[in-house]
N, C-alpha and C. Protein backbone atom coordinates (compact mmCIF):
# COMPACT_ATOMS: atom_id res chain seq x y z
N MET A 1 27.22 -43.63 -13.60
CA MET A 1 27.79 -42.62 -13.37
C MET A 1 27.57 -41.11 -14.01
N SER A 2 26.66 -40.19 -13.50
CA SER A 2 25.89 -39.00 -14.55
C SER A 2 27.38 -38.51 -14.69
N GLU A 3 27.11 -37.64 -15.89
CA GLU A 3 28.14 -36.79 -16.47
C GLU A 3 28.05 -35.42 -16.02
N ALA A 4 26.96 -35.12 -14.76
CA ALA A 4 26.93 -33.99 -14.01
C ALA A 4 27.79 -33.87 -13.18
N ASN A 5 28.57 -34.82 -12.53
CA ASN A 5 29.62 -34.85 -11.59
C ASN A 5 30.95 -35.18 -12.08
N HIS A 6 31.23 -35.17 -13.22
CA HIS A 6 32.47 -35.30 -14.34
C HIS A 6 33.07 -33.62 -14.29
N ALA A 7 33.97 -33.43 -14.39
CA ALA A 7 34.97 -32.06 -14.38
C ALA A 7 36.05 -32.49 -15.04
N LYS A 8 36.61 -31.45 -15.91
CA LYS A 8 37.75 -31.32 -16.41
C LYS A 8 39.04 -31.54 -15.34
N LEU A 9 39.80 -32.37 -15.90
CA LEU A 9 41.31 -32.30 -14.98
C LEU A 9 42.61 -32.27 -16.07
N GLU A 10 43.32 -31.37 -15.62
CA GLU A 10 44.64 -31.04 -16.17
C GLU A 10 45.47 -31.38 -15.39
N PHE A 11 46.89 -32.29 -15.93
CA PHE A 11 47.62 -32.33 -15.52
C PHE A 11 48.94 -32.36 -16.38
N THR A 12 50.36 -32.86 -15.79
CA THR A 12 51.50 -32.94 -17.02
C THR A 12 52.08 -34.19 -16.12
N ILE A 13 52.79 -35.32 -17.45
CA ILE A 13 53.44 -36.10 -17.06
C ILE A 13 54.46 -36.29 -18.12
N TYR A 14 55.64 -36.00 -17.25
CA TYR A 14 57.06 -35.82 -18.32
C TYR A 14 56.81 -34.63 -19.41
N ASN A 15 56.72 -33.65 -18.70
CA ASN A 15 56.58 -32.57 -19.40
C ASN A 15 55.26 -32.78 -20.96
N LEU A 16 54.60 -33.45 -20.77
CA LEU A 16 53.50 -33.49 -21.45
C LEU A 16 52.21 -33.35 -21.08
N PRO A 17 51.32 -32.46 -21.66
CA PRO A 17 50.07 -32.14 -20.90
C PRO A 17 49.06 -33.03 -21.18
N PHE A 18 48.21 -33.14 -20.32
CA PHE A 18 46.87 -34.01 -20.45
C PHE A 18 45.57 -33.41 -19.51
N ARG A 19 44.41 -33.68 -20.52
CA ARG A 19 43.51 -33.01 -20.26
C ARG A 19 42.38 -34.11 -20.30
N LEU A 20 41.30 -34.30 -19.30
CA LEU A 20 40.54 -35.39 -19.19
C LEU A 20 39.24 -34.83 -18.43
N ARG A 21 38.23 -35.59 -18.68
CA ARG A 21 36.92 -35.46 -17.84
C ARG A 21 37.06 -36.39 -16.89
N ALA A 22 36.65 -36.48 -15.83
CA ALA A 22 36.63 -37.39 -14.62
C ALA A 22 35.62 -37.26 -13.68
N PRO A 23 35.58 -38.02 -12.78
CA PRO A 23 34.57 -37.94 -11.97
C PRO A 23 35.34 -36.85 -10.79
N VAL A 24 34.89 -36.00 -10.19
CA VAL A 24 35.38 -35.44 -9.06
C VAL A 24 35.81 -35.89 -8.38
N GLU A 25 35.13 -36.67 -7.86
CA GLU A 25 35.93 -37.47 -6.13
C GLU A 25 36.90 -38.27 -7.01
N GLU A 26 37.38 -38.74 -7.89
CA GLU A 26 38.49 -39.55 -8.60
C GLU A 26 39.52 -38.49 -8.60
N HIS A 27 39.17 -37.18 -8.85
CA HIS A 27 40.61 -36.07 -9.27
C HIS A 27 41.77 -36.16 -8.61
N GLU A 28 41.51 -36.24 -7.05
CA GLU A 28 42.64 -36.33 -6.39
C GLU A 28 43.65 -37.48 -6.58
N ARG A 29 43.18 -38.65 -6.88
CA ARG A 29 43.19 -39.82 -7.24
C ARG A 29 44.39 -40.05 -8.39
N LEU A 30 43.61 -39.58 -9.28
CA LEU A 30 43.78 -39.02 -10.71
C LEU A 30 45.67 -38.38 -10.58
N LYS A 31 45.43 -37.22 -9.98
CA LYS A 31 46.72 -36.88 -9.78
C LYS A 31 47.78 -37.17 -9.44
N ARG A 32 47.44 -37.90 -8.52
CA ARG A 32 48.50 -38.65 -7.43
C ARG A 32 49.08 -40.10 -8.67
N ALA A 33 48.19 -40.55 -9.26
CA ALA A 33 48.76 -41.26 -10.27
C ALA A 33 49.53 -40.66 -11.28
N ALA A 34 49.26 -39.48 -11.77
CA ALA A 34 49.99 -38.91 -12.47
C ALA A 34 51.34 -38.64 -12.02
N ARG A 35 51.31 -38.12 -10.87
CA ARG A 35 52.37 -37.64 -10.31
C ARG A 35 53.62 -38.71 -10.13
N HIS A 36 53.04 -40.32 -9.72
CA HIS A 36 53.49 -41.27 -9.72
C HIS A 36 54.18 -41.82 -10.99
N VAL A 37 53.60 -41.49 -11.91
CA VAL A 37 53.71 -41.82 -13.44
C VAL A 37 55.17 -40.85 -13.87
N ASP A 38 54.92 -39.72 -13.56
CA ASP A 38 56.09 -38.87 -13.66
C ASP A 38 57.25 -39.17 -13.32
N GLU A 39 57.41 -39.35 -11.60
CA GLU A 39 58.33 -39.65 -11.18
C GLU A 39 59.07 -40.81 -11.38
N LEU A 40 58.31 -41.87 -11.94
CA LEU A 40 58.83 -43.14 -12.59
C LEU A 40 59.55 -42.94 -13.87
N MET A 41 58.95 -41.87 -14.74
CA MET A 41 59.48 -41.60 -16.28
C MET A 41 60.49 -40.97 -16.00
N ARG A 42 60.87 -40.13 -15.04
CA ARG A 42 61.85 -39.36 -14.61
C ARG A 42 63.28 -39.99 -14.03
N GLN A 43 62.80 -41.16 -13.55
CA GLN A 43 63.99 -41.79 -12.76
C GLN A 43 64.45 -42.87 -13.90
N LEU A 44 63.51 -43.39 -14.82
CA LEU A 44 64.10 -44.27 -15.67
C LEU A 44 64.79 -43.53 -16.73
N SER A 45 64.20 -42.33 -16.98
CA SER A 45 65.05 -41.40 -18.00
C SER A 45 66.71 -41.37 -17.53
N GLU A 46 66.83 -41.38 -15.98
CA GLU A 46 68.31 -40.97 -15.68
C GLU A 46 69.31 -42.12 -16.03
N SER A 47 68.73 -43.21 -16.06
CA SER A 47 69.37 -44.59 -16.66
C SER A 47 69.62 -45.00 -18.24
N GLN A 48 68.90 -43.89 -18.88
CA GLN A 48 69.18 -44.24 -20.36
C GLN A 48 69.78 -43.07 -20.86
N VAL A 49 70.62 -43.37 -22.50
CA VAL A 49 71.28 -42.26 -22.94
C VAL A 49 70.50 -41.65 -23.68
N THR A 50 69.50 -42.09 -24.30
CA THR A 50 68.62 -41.46 -25.20
C THR A 50 67.26 -41.71 -25.07
N PRO A 51 66.73 -41.23 -23.89
CA PRO A 51 65.07 -41.77 -23.22
C PRO A 51 64.05 -41.38 -24.42
N ASP A 52 63.77 -42.40 -24.88
CA ASP A 52 62.21 -42.55 -25.96
C ASP A 52 61.01 -42.66 -24.76
N THR A 53 60.68 -41.53 -25.00
CA THR A 53 59.10 -41.33 -24.22
C THR A 53 58.30 -42.33 -24.30
N GLY A 54 58.21 -43.06 -25.45
CA GLY A 54 57.19 -44.32 -25.61
C GLY A 54 57.44 -45.22 -24.64
N LYS A 55 58.85 -45.43 -25.04
CA LYS A 55 59.60 -46.60 -24.20
C LYS A 55 59.46 -46.30 -22.35
N LEU A 56 59.66 -45.18 -22.20
CA LEU A 56 59.54 -44.90 -20.55
C LEU A 56 58.11 -44.91 -20.30
N ALA A 57 57.16 -44.38 -20.79
CA ALA A 57 55.63 -44.88 -20.51
C ALA A 57 55.65 -46.06 -20.23
N LEU A 58 55.98 -46.98 -21.28
CA LEU A 58 55.44 -48.32 -21.05
C LEU A 58 56.25 -49.00 -20.10
N GLN A 59 57.55 -48.69 -19.66
CA GLN A 59 58.40 -49.23 -18.34
C GLN A 59 57.70 -48.54 -16.99
N ALA A 60 57.50 -47.32 -17.06
CA ALA A 60 56.49 -46.93 -15.98
C ALA A 60 55.16 -47.61 -15.99
N ALA A 61 54.59 -47.87 -16.91
CA ALA A 61 53.26 -48.79 -16.54
C ALA A 61 53.63 -50.28 -16.18
N LEU A 62 54.66 -50.74 -16.83
CA LEU A 62 54.97 -52.11 -16.27
C LEU A 62 55.26 -51.80 -14.63
N LEU A 63 56.26 -51.14 -14.43
CA LEU A 63 56.53 -50.91 -13.04
C LEU A 63 55.49 -50.66 -12.04
N SER A 64 54.60 -50.01 -12.54
CA SER A 64 53.25 -49.52 -11.55
C SER A 64 52.32 -50.77 -11.56
N THR A 65 52.45 -51.51 -12.71
CA THR A 65 51.79 -52.73 -12.60
C THR A 65 52.16 -53.76 -11.57
N VAL A 66 53.19 -53.95 -11.62
CA VAL A 66 54.30 -54.83 -10.71
C VAL A 66 53.98 -54.39 -9.46
N GLU A 67 54.02 -52.98 -8.93
CA GLU A 67 53.65 -52.72 -7.68
C GLU A 67 52.30 -53.11 -7.52
N TYR A 68 51.31 -52.74 -8.15
CA TYR A 68 49.86 -53.01 -7.86
C TYR A 68 49.76 -54.57 -7.79
N PHE A 69 50.25 -55.64 -8.54
CA PHE A 69 50.00 -57.18 -8.01
C PHE A 69 50.83 -57.55 -6.95
N LYS A 70 51.76 -56.47 -6.81
CA LYS A 70 52.69 -57.00 -5.48
C LYS A 70 51.80 -56.51 -4.45
N ILE A 71 51.27 -55.57 -4.49
CA ILE A 71 50.18 -54.95 -3.21
C ILE A 71 49.02 -56.15 -3.18
N ILE A 72 48.44 -56.62 -4.39
CA ILE A 72 47.32 -57.48 -4.35
C ILE A 72 47.83 -58.72 -3.98
N ASP A 73 48.96 -59.45 -4.18
CA ASP A 73 49.69 -60.59 -3.68
C ASP A 73 49.82 -60.54 -2.34
N ASP A 74 50.22 -59.61 -1.92
CA ASP A 74 50.53 -59.21 0.01
C ASP A 74 49.51 -59.37 0.40
N ALA A 75 48.24 -58.84 -0.05
CA ALA A 75 47.25 -58.54 0.71
C ALA A 75 46.51 -60.02 0.75
N ALA A 76 46.48 -60.63 -0.55
CA ALA A 76 45.81 -62.14 -0.49
C ALA A 76 46.78 -63.07 0.48
N SER A 77 48.19 -62.88 0.46
CA SER A 77 49.05 -63.78 1.58
C SER A 77 48.46 -63.76 2.75
N VAL A 78 48.04 -62.37 3.46
CA VAL A 78 47.67 -62.03 4.45
C VAL A 78 46.51 -62.59 5.19
N VAL A 79 45.35 -62.61 3.91
CA VAL A 79 44.37 -62.83 4.15
C VAL A 79 44.45 -64.69 4.08
N GLY A 80 45.18 -65.19 3.38
CA GLY A 80 45.10 -66.53 3.65
C GLY A 80 45.94 -67.02 4.65
N LEU A 81 47.06 -66.31 5.21
CA LEU A 81 47.76 -66.38 6.41
C LEU A 81 46.55 -66.53 7.77
N THR A 82 45.77 -65.66 7.72
CA THR A 82 44.77 -65.25 8.62
C THR A 82 43.52 -66.56 8.47
N GLU A 83 43.37 -67.28 7.47
CA GLU A 83 42.39 -68.02 7.21
C GLU A 83 42.97 -69.31 7.76
N ASP A 84 44.59 -69.29 7.58
CA ASP A 84 45.02 -70.67 8.04
C ASP A 84 45.24 -70.58 9.41
N VAL A 85 45.70 -69.43 9.97
CA VAL A 85 45.89 -69.10 11.32
C VAL A 85 44.53 -69.72 12.18
N LYS A 86 43.25 -69.39 11.29
CA LYS A 86 42.12 -69.56 12.09
C LYS A 86 41.81 -71.01 11.99
N ARG A 87 41.87 -71.75 11.08
CA ARG A 87 41.92 -73.07 11.17
C ARG A 87 42.69 -74.02 12.12
N ARG A 88 44.02 -73.33 12.16
CA ARG A 88 44.44 -74.37 13.15
C ARG A 88 44.23 -73.74 14.82
N VAL A 89 43.82 -72.48 14.89
CA VAL A 89 43.23 -72.47 16.57
C VAL A 89 41.81 -73.30 16.44
N ASP A 90 41.03 -73.26 15.49
CA ASP A 90 39.86 -74.04 15.69
C ASP A 90 40.00 -75.25 16.03
N PHE A 91 41.06 -75.60 15.33
CA PHE A 91 41.66 -77.23 15.43
C PHE A 91 41.68 -77.69 16.78
N LEU A 92 42.65 -76.66 17.07
CA LEU A 92 43.35 -76.81 18.75
C LEU A 92 41.83 -76.58 19.71
N ILE A 93 41.26 -75.83 19.44
CA ILE A 93 39.99 -75.60 20.65
C ILE A 93 39.10 -76.97 20.72
N ASP A 94 38.92 -77.42 19.24
CA ASP A 94 38.58 -79.13 19.18
C ASP A 94 39.02 -80.02 19.70
N THR A 95 40.49 -79.92 19.62
CA THR A 95 41.33 -80.99 20.36
C THR A 95 41.11 -80.47 21.97
N LEU A 96 41.12 -79.44 22.31
CA LEU A 96 41.11 -79.18 23.69
C LEU A 96 39.72 -79.44 24.43
N GLU A 97 38.89 -79.20 23.78
CA GLU A 97 37.59 -79.77 23.86
C GLU A 97 37.25 -81.00 23.94
N GLN A 98 38.04 -81.72 23.26
CA GLN A 98 37.58 -83.37 23.45
C GLN A 98 38.40 -83.88 24.48
N GLU A 99 39.80 -83.22 24.83
CA GLU A 99 40.72 -83.83 26.09
C GLU A 99 39.64 -83.51 27.15
N LEU A 100 39.33 -82.26 27.27
CA LEU A 100 38.61 -82.00 28.67
C LEU A 100 37.31 -82.61 28.64
N ALA A 101 36.49 -83.07 27.88
CA ALA A 101 35.60 -83.97 27.86
C ALA A 101 35.66 -85.34 28.05
N ASP A 102 36.90 -85.99 28.12
CA ASP A 102 37.38 -87.10 28.32
C ASP A 102 37.98 -87.19 29.74
N LEU A 103 38.08 -86.01 30.70
CA LEU A 103 38.51 -86.02 32.08
C LEU A 103 37.67 -86.70 32.87
């Protein structure tokens, strides 16, 4: 990717400003991700007496990663189910064709 399509992006997570250069086409996704992490950290801080920003960030990262793997696992199980159903339908079609040929 060329540096030409990179631009500066600024956002805030848990009252901490961040500035980075990223591909322009990724800016909206990065902003959404920053909002998500910010929301997670704020939710987590509500349940802690003395919130440690570092621990909150790690907990938010862990929760985000769990969400990511759940989506990946769910997608994989849907594809697996689809492949299983396809195999079963193919088996039934073969069985029916054999039965019809025997008539």
